[in-house]
């Protein structure tokens, strides 16, 4: 046959529970804590909205393009857009969890154009967590513990008196056992 034909199968179903996450901590300028590093994770779902555009923009001349390969490609787009958006948020890490819904909606809106250029439709976008590294979490716990203590001088006196009371023999119990 003098004609050459190529057949592409593109699934139009919705691909759910696709994962994204920051491979490295993201530098974030916290208005209370200063510079901190954050990790962010979540999920999204998408579908192919324009198969012809998708094949032209993403698949190209490859023989096959699996969901796993497209996930890796899209993850880098998601992280890049999320980093840009997080840079515009000027609040404390302590308040950022309360904003996760707003951040997810803003990310979805920002990513929709990126996905549309590839022939894809971003249907959902969720942020599961935004967390600092363990050492920052420990420092936050220490700081909140200090706030719970209140007056450090009074607390130190209390702990000293408590330690002296614990070290003193009780009612001659040592003399009875000797």
C-alpha atoms as a PDB file:
ATOM      1  CA  UNK A   1       0.000   0.000   0.000  1.00  0.00           C
ATOM      2  CA  UNK A   2       1.384   3.401  -0.904  1.00  0.00           C
ATOM      3  CA  UNK A   3      -0.313   5.011   2.087  1.00  0.00           C
ATOM      4  CA  UNK A   4       1.183   5.092   5.533  1.00  0.00           C
ATOM      5  CA  UNK A   5      -1.209   5.426   8.435  1.00  0.00           C
ATOM      6  CA  UNK A   6      -0.607   6.035  12.112  1.00  0.00           C
ATOM      7  CA  UNK A   7      -3.239   5.213  14.684  1.00  0.00           C
ATOM      8  CA  UNK A   8      -3.240   6.780  18.111  1.00  0.00           C
ATOM      9  CA  UNK A   9      -5.484   5.626  20.919  1.00  0.00           C
ATOM     10  CA  UNK A  10      -6.173   8.360  23.430  1.00  0.00           C
ATOM     11  CA  UNK A  11      -8.258   7.526  26.471  1.00  0.00           C
ATOM     12  CA  UNK A  12     -10.805  10.227  27.236  1.00  0.00           C
ATOM     13  CA  UNK A  13     -11.607   8.942  30.708  1.00  0.00           C
ATOM     14  CA  UNK A  14     -10.783  10.992  33.783  1.00  0.00           C
ATOM     15  CA  UNK A  15      -7.469  10.027  35.355  1.00  0.00           C
ATOM     16  CA  UNK A  16      -7.887  10.388  39.113  1.00  0.00           C
ATOM     17  CA  UNK A  17      -5.584  10.310  42.117  1.00  0.00           C
ATOM     18  CA  UNK A  18      -2.530  11.542  40.232  1.00  0.00           C
ATOM     19  CA  UNK A  19       0.083  12.546  42.784  1.00  0.00           C
ATOM     20  CA  UNK A  20       2.272  15.613  42.935  1.00  0.00           C
ATOM     21  CA  UNK A  21       4.827  16.664  45.502  1.00  0.00           C
ATOM     22  CA  UNK A  22       7.891  18.794  45.929  1.00  0.00           C
ATOM     23  CA  UNK A  23      10.945  16.581  45.407  1.00  0.00           C
ATOM     24  CA  UNK A  24      13.067  19.078  47.360  1.00  0.00           C
ATOM     25  CA  UNK A  25      11.969  21.513  50.081  1.00  0.00           C
ATOM     26  CA  UNK A  26      10.791  24.866  48.752  1.00  0.00           C
ATOM     27  CA  UNK A  27      12.282  28.046  50.242  1.00  0.00           C
ATOM     28  CA  UNK A  28       9.474  30.147  51.720  1.00  0.00           C
ATOM     29  CA  UNK A  29       9.694  33.608  53.289  1.00  0.00           C
ATOM     30  CA  UNK A  30       7.585  33.301  56.434  1.00  0.00           C
ATOM     31  CA  UNK A  31       6.514  36.619  57.929  1.00  0.00           C
ATOM     32  CA  UNK A  32       7.010  35.354  61.518  1.00  0.00           C
ATOM     33  CA  UNK A  33       9.706  32.692  61.302  1.00  0.00           C
ATOM     34  CA  UNK A  34      11.848  34.145  58.526  1.00  0.00           C
ATOM     35  CA  UNK A  35      13.125  31.857  55.793  1.00  0.00           C
ATOM     36  CA  UNK A  36      11.869  28.262  56.113  1.00  0.00           C
ATOM     37  CA  UNK A  37      11.840  25.298  53.789  1.00  0.00           C
ATOM     38  CA  UNK A  38       8.519  23.636  53.018  1.00  0.00           C
ATOM     39  CA  UNK A  39       7.425  20.387  51.422  1.00  0.00           C
ATOM     40  CA  UNK A  40       4.069  20.190  49.699  1.00  0.00           C
ATOM     41  CA  UNK A  41       2.071  17.185  48.503  1.00  0.00           C
ATOM     42  CA  UNK A  42      -1.303  16.554  46.964  1.00  0.00           C
ATOM     43  CA  UNK A  43      -3.341  14.943  44.219  1.00  0.00           C
ATOM     44  CA  UNK A  44      -5.114  16.036  41.064  1.00  0.00           C
ATOM     45  CA  UNK A  45      -7.246  14.570  38.320  1.00  0.00           C
ATOM     46  CA  UNK A  46      -7.350  15.358  34.633  1.00  0.00           C
ATOM     47  CA  UNK A  47      -8.679  14.178  31.324  1.00  0.00           C
ATOM     48  CA  UNK A  48      -7.785  14.662  27.672  1.00  0.00           C
ATOM     49  CA  UNK A  49      -9.977  17.478  26.341  1.00  0.00           C
ATOM     50  CA  UNK A  50      -8.493  17.785  22.844  1.00  0.00           C
ATOM     51  CA  UNK A  51      -6.970  14.481  21.607  1.00  0.00           C
ATOM     52  CA  UNK A  52      -5.486  16.017  18.460  1.00  0.00           C
ATOM     53  CA  UNK A  53      -3.727  18.791  20.400  1.00  0.00           C
ATOM     54  CA  UNK A  54      -2.604  16.304  23.041  1.00  0.00           C
ATOM     55  CA  UNK A  55      -1.031  13.996  20.436  1.00  0.00           C
ATOM     56  CA  UNK A  56       0.629  16.932  18.689  1.00  0.00           C
ATOM     57  CA  UNK A  57       1.953  18.647  21.834  1.00  0.00           C
ATOM     58  CA  UNK A  58       2.780  15.735  24.113  1.00  0.00           C
ATOM     59  CA  UNK A  59       3.036  12.439  22.301  1.00  0.00           C
ATOM     60  CA  UNK A  60       4.753  13.690  19.145  1.00  0.00           C
ATOM     61  CA  UNK A  61       6.771  11.014  17.422  1.00  0.00           C
ATOM     62  CA  UNK A  62       6.971   8.578  20.338  1.00  0.00           C
ATOM     63  CA  UNK A  63       5.618   5.115  19.727  1.00  0.00           C
ATOM     64  CA  UNK A  64       3.771   5.062  23.026  1.00  0.00           C
ATOM     65  CA  UNK A  65       3.175   7.462  25.861  1.00  0.00           C
ATOM     66  CA  UNK A  66       1.939   5.951  29.114  1.00  0.00           C
ATOM     67  CA  UNK A  67       0.106   7.555  32.007  1.00  0.00           C
ATOM     68  CA  UNK A  68       3.274   7.218  34.110  1.00  0.00           C
ATOM     69  CA  UNK A  69       5.309   9.242  31.641  1.00  0.00           C
ATOM     70  CA  UNK A  70       2.698  11.973  31.407  1.00  0.00           C
ATOM     71  CA  UNK A  71       2.481  12.076  35.213  1.00  0.00           C
ATOM     72  CA  UNK A  72       6.211  12.799  35.484  1.00  0.00           C
ATOM     73  CA  UNK A  73       5.914  15.533  32.857  1.00  0.00           C
ATOM     74  CA  UNK A  74       2.853  17.112  34.490  1.00  0.00           C
ATOM     75  CA  UNK A  75       4.351  16.890  37.985  1.00  0.00           C
ATOM     76  CA  UNK A  76       7.124  19.276  36.954  1.00  0.00           C
ATOM     77  CA  UNK A  77       4.532  21.732  35.590  1.00  0.00           C
ATOM     78  CA  UNK A  78       2.484  21.492  38.799  1.00  0.00           C
ATOM     79  CA  UNK A  79       5.519  22.048  41.064  1.00  0.00           C
ATOM     80  CA  UNK A  80       6.734  24.994  39.010  1.00  0.00           C
ATOM     81  CA  UNK A  81       3.324  26.712  39.116  1.00  0.00           C
ATOM     82  CA  UNK A  82       2.866  25.896  42.816  1.00  0.00           C
ATOM     83  CA  UNK A  83       6.278  27.402  43.657  1.00  0.00           C
ATOM     84  CA  UNK A  84       5.352  30.602  41.820  1.00  0.00           C
ATOM     85  CA  UNK A  85       2.001  30.806  43.572  1.00  0.00           C
ATOM     86  CA  UNK A  86       3.484  30.082  47.014  1.00  0.00           C
ATOM     87  CA  UNK A  87       5.940  32.930  46.470  1.00  0.00           C
ATOM     88  CA  UNK A  88       2.975  35.316  46.229  1.00  0.00           C
ATOM     89  CA  UNK A  89       1.540  34.188  49.572  1.00  0.00           C
ATOM     90  CA  UNK A  90       2.748  36.504  52.304  1.00  0.00           C
ATOM     91  CA  UNK A  91       1.680  34.898  55.540  1.00  0.00           C
ATOM     92  CA  UNK A  92       3.026  32.682  58.269  1.00  0.00           C
ATOM     93  CA  UNK A  93       3.542  28.967  57.938  1.00  0.00           C
ATOM     94  CA  UNK A  94       1.285  28.687  60.973  1.00  0.00           C
ATOM     95  CA  UNK A  95      -1.590  30.184  58.934  1.00  0.00           C
ATOM     96  CA  UNK A  96      -0.895  28.491  55.618  1.00  0.00           C
ATOM     97  CA  UNK A  97      -2.730  25.240  56.461  1.00  0.00           C
ATOM     98  CA  UNK A  98      -5.917  27.231  57.008  1.00  0.00           C
ATOM     99  CA  UNK A  99      -5.490  28.584  53.481  1.00  0.00           C
ATOM    100  CA  UNK A 100      -5.021  25.222  51.761  1.00  0.00           C
ATOM    101  CA  UNK A 101      -8.435  25.360  50.045  1.00  0.00           C
ATOM    102  CA  UNK A 102      -7.744  28.841  48.664  1.00  0.00           C
ATOM    103  CA  UNK A 103      -4.240  27.790  47.583  1.00  0.00           C
ATOM    104  CA  UNK A 104      -5.633  24.693  45.847  1.00  0.00           C
ATOM    105  CA  UNK A 105      -8.257  26.759  44.001  1.00  0.00           C
ATOM    106  CA  UNK A 106      -5.658  29.327  42.933  1.00  0.00           C
ATOM    107  CA  UNK A 107      -3.309  26.546  41.794  1.00  0.00           C
ATOM    108  CA  UNK A 108      -6.072  24.890  39.796  1.00  0.00           C
ATOM    109  CA  UNK A 109      -6.910  28.185  38.077  1.00  0.00           C
ATOM    110  CA  UNK A 110      -3.246  28.871  37.282  1.00  0.00           C
ATOM    111  CA  UNK A 111      -2.635  25.326  36.030  1.00  0.00           C
ATOM    112  CA  UNK A 112      -5.749  25.187  33.852  1.00  0.00           C
ATOM    113  CA  UNK A 113      -4.098  27.250  31.096  1.00  0.00           C
ATOM    114  CA  UNK A 114      -0.917  25.151  31.233  1.00  0.00           C
ATOM    115  CA  UNK A 115      -2.951  21.958  30.898  1.00  0.00           C
ATOM    116  CA  UNK A 116      -5.197  23.409  28.153  1.00  0.00           C
ATOM    117  CA  UNK A 117      -2.124  24.182  26.007  1.00  0.00           C
ATOM    118  CA  UNK A 118      -1.424  20.443  26.083  1.00  0.00           C
ATOM    119  CA  UNK A 119      -4.978  19.415  25.221  1.00  0.00           C
ATOM    120  CA  UNK A 120      -5.747  18.442  28.814  1.00  0.00           C
ATOM    121  CA  UNK A 121      -8.391  19.533  31.291  1.00  0.00           C
ATOM    122  CA  UNK A 122      -7.497  19.764  34.971  1.00  0.00           C
ATOM    123  CA  UNK A 123     -10.642  18.642  36.779  1.00  0.00           C
ATOM    124  CA  UNK A 124      -9.527  18.657  40.432  1.00  0.00           C
ATOM    125  CA  UNK A 125      -6.518  19.820  42.421  1.00  0.00           C
ATOM    126  CA  UNK A 126      -5.956  19.155  46.113  1.00  0.00           C
ATOM    127  CA  UNK A 127      -3.213  20.036  48.564  1.00  0.00           C
ATOM    128  CA  UNK A 128      -2.795  17.256  51.124  1.00  0.00           C
ATOM    129  CA  UNK A 129      -0.132  18.935  53.218  1.00  0.00           C
ATOM    130  CA  UNK A 130       2.341  21.768  53.391  1.00  0.00           C
ATOM    131  CA  UNK A 131       4.906  21.027  56.071  1.00  0.00           C
ATOM    132  CA  UNK A 132       8.295  22.255  57.207  1.00  0.00           C
ATOM    133  CA  UNK A 133      11.205  19.860  57.813  1.00  0.00           C
ATOM    134  CA  UNK A 134      11.375  17.973  61.143  1.00  0.00           C
ATOM    135  CA  UNK A 135      13.891  20.358  62.733  1.00  0.00           C
ATOM    136  CA  UNK A 136      11.641  23.363  62.026  1.00  0.00           C
ATOM    137  CA  UNK A 137       8.652  21.470  63.448  1.00  0.00           C
ATOM    138  CA  UNK A 138      10.660  20.795  66.633  1.00  0.00           C
ATOM    139  CA  UNK A 139      11.547  24.499  66.924  1.00  0.00           C
ATOM    140  CA  UNK A 140       7.880  25.440  66.487  1.00  0.00           C
ATOM    141  CA  UNK A 141       6.972  22.942  69.226  1.00  0.00           C
ATOM    142  CA  UNK A 142       9.652  24.438  71.498  1.00  0.00           C
ATOM    143  CA  UNK A 143       8.408  27.943  70.797  1.00  0.00           C
ATOM    144  CA  UNK A 144       4.805  27.006  71.544  1.00  0.00           C
ATOM    145  CA  UNK A 145       5.958  25.192  74.699  1.00  0.00           C
ATOM    146  CA  UNK A 146       7.717  28.345  75.849  1.00  0.00           C
ATOM    147  CA  UNK A 147       4.557  30.351  75.189  1.00  0.00           C
ATOM    148  CA  UNK A 148       2.545  27.846  77.245  1.00  0.00           C
ATOM    149  CA  UNK A 149       4.997  28.204  80.131  1.00  0.00           C
ATOM    150  CA  UNK A 150       4.450  31.953  80.315  1.00  0.00           C
ATOM    151  CA  UNK A 151       6.808  33.585  82.828  1.00  0.00           C
ATOM    152  CA  UNK A 152      10.104  31.730  82.430  1.00  0.00           C
ATOM    153  CA  UNK A 153      11.470  33.002  85.777  1.00  0.00           C
ATOM    154  CA  UNK A 154       8.482  31.704  87.737  1.00  0.00           C
ATOM    155  CA  UNK A 155       8.618  28.406  85.841  1.00  0.00           C
ATOM    156  CA  UNK A 156      12.335  27.990  86.633  1.00  0.00           C
ATOM    157  CA  UNK A 157      11.699  28.644  90.334  1.00  0.00           C
ATOM    158  CA  UNK A 158       8.847  26.120  90.333  1.00  0.00           C
ATOM    159  CA  UNK A 159      10.967  23.427  88.631  1.00  0.00           C
ATOM    160  CA  UNK A 160      13.883  24.087  91.027  1.00  0.00           C
ATOM    161  CA  UNK A 161      11.619  23.794  94.077  1.00  0.00           C
ATOM    162  CA  UNK A 162      10.102  20.645  92.617  1.00  0.00           C
ATOM    163  CA  UNK A 163      13.559  19.106  92.050  1.00  0.00           C
ATOM    164  CA  UNK A 164      14.633  19.969  95.627  1.00  0.00           C
ATOM    165  CA  UNK A 165      11.447  18.413  96.968  1.00  0.00           C
ATOM    166  CA  UNK A 166      12.017  15.248  94.920  1.00  0.00           C
ATOM    167  CA  UNK A 167      15.639  14.957  96.131  1.00  0.00           C
ATOM    168  CA  UNK A 168      14.858  15.388  99.864  1.00  0.00           C
ATOM    169  CA  UNK A 169      14.354  12.162 101.880  1.00  0.00           C
ATOM    170  CA  UNK A 170      10.738  11.609 102.886  1.00  0.00           C
ATOM    171  CA  UNK A 171       9.880  11.280 106.620  1.00  0.00           C
ATOM    172  CA  UNK A 172      13.008   9.427 107.653  1.00  0.00           C
ATOM    173  CA  UNK A 173      12.322   6.431 105.428  1.00  0.00           C
ATOM    174  CA  UNK A 174      16.031   6.059 104.787  1.00  0.00           C
ATOM    175  CA  UNK A 175      16.838   5.800 108.514  1.00  0.00           C
ATOM    176  CA  UNK A 176      14.311   2.983 108.951  1.00  0.00           C
ATOM    177  CA  UNK A 177      15.774   0.916 106.147  1.00  0.00           C
ATOM    178  CA  UNK A 178      19.382   1.308 107.422  1.00  0.00           C
END
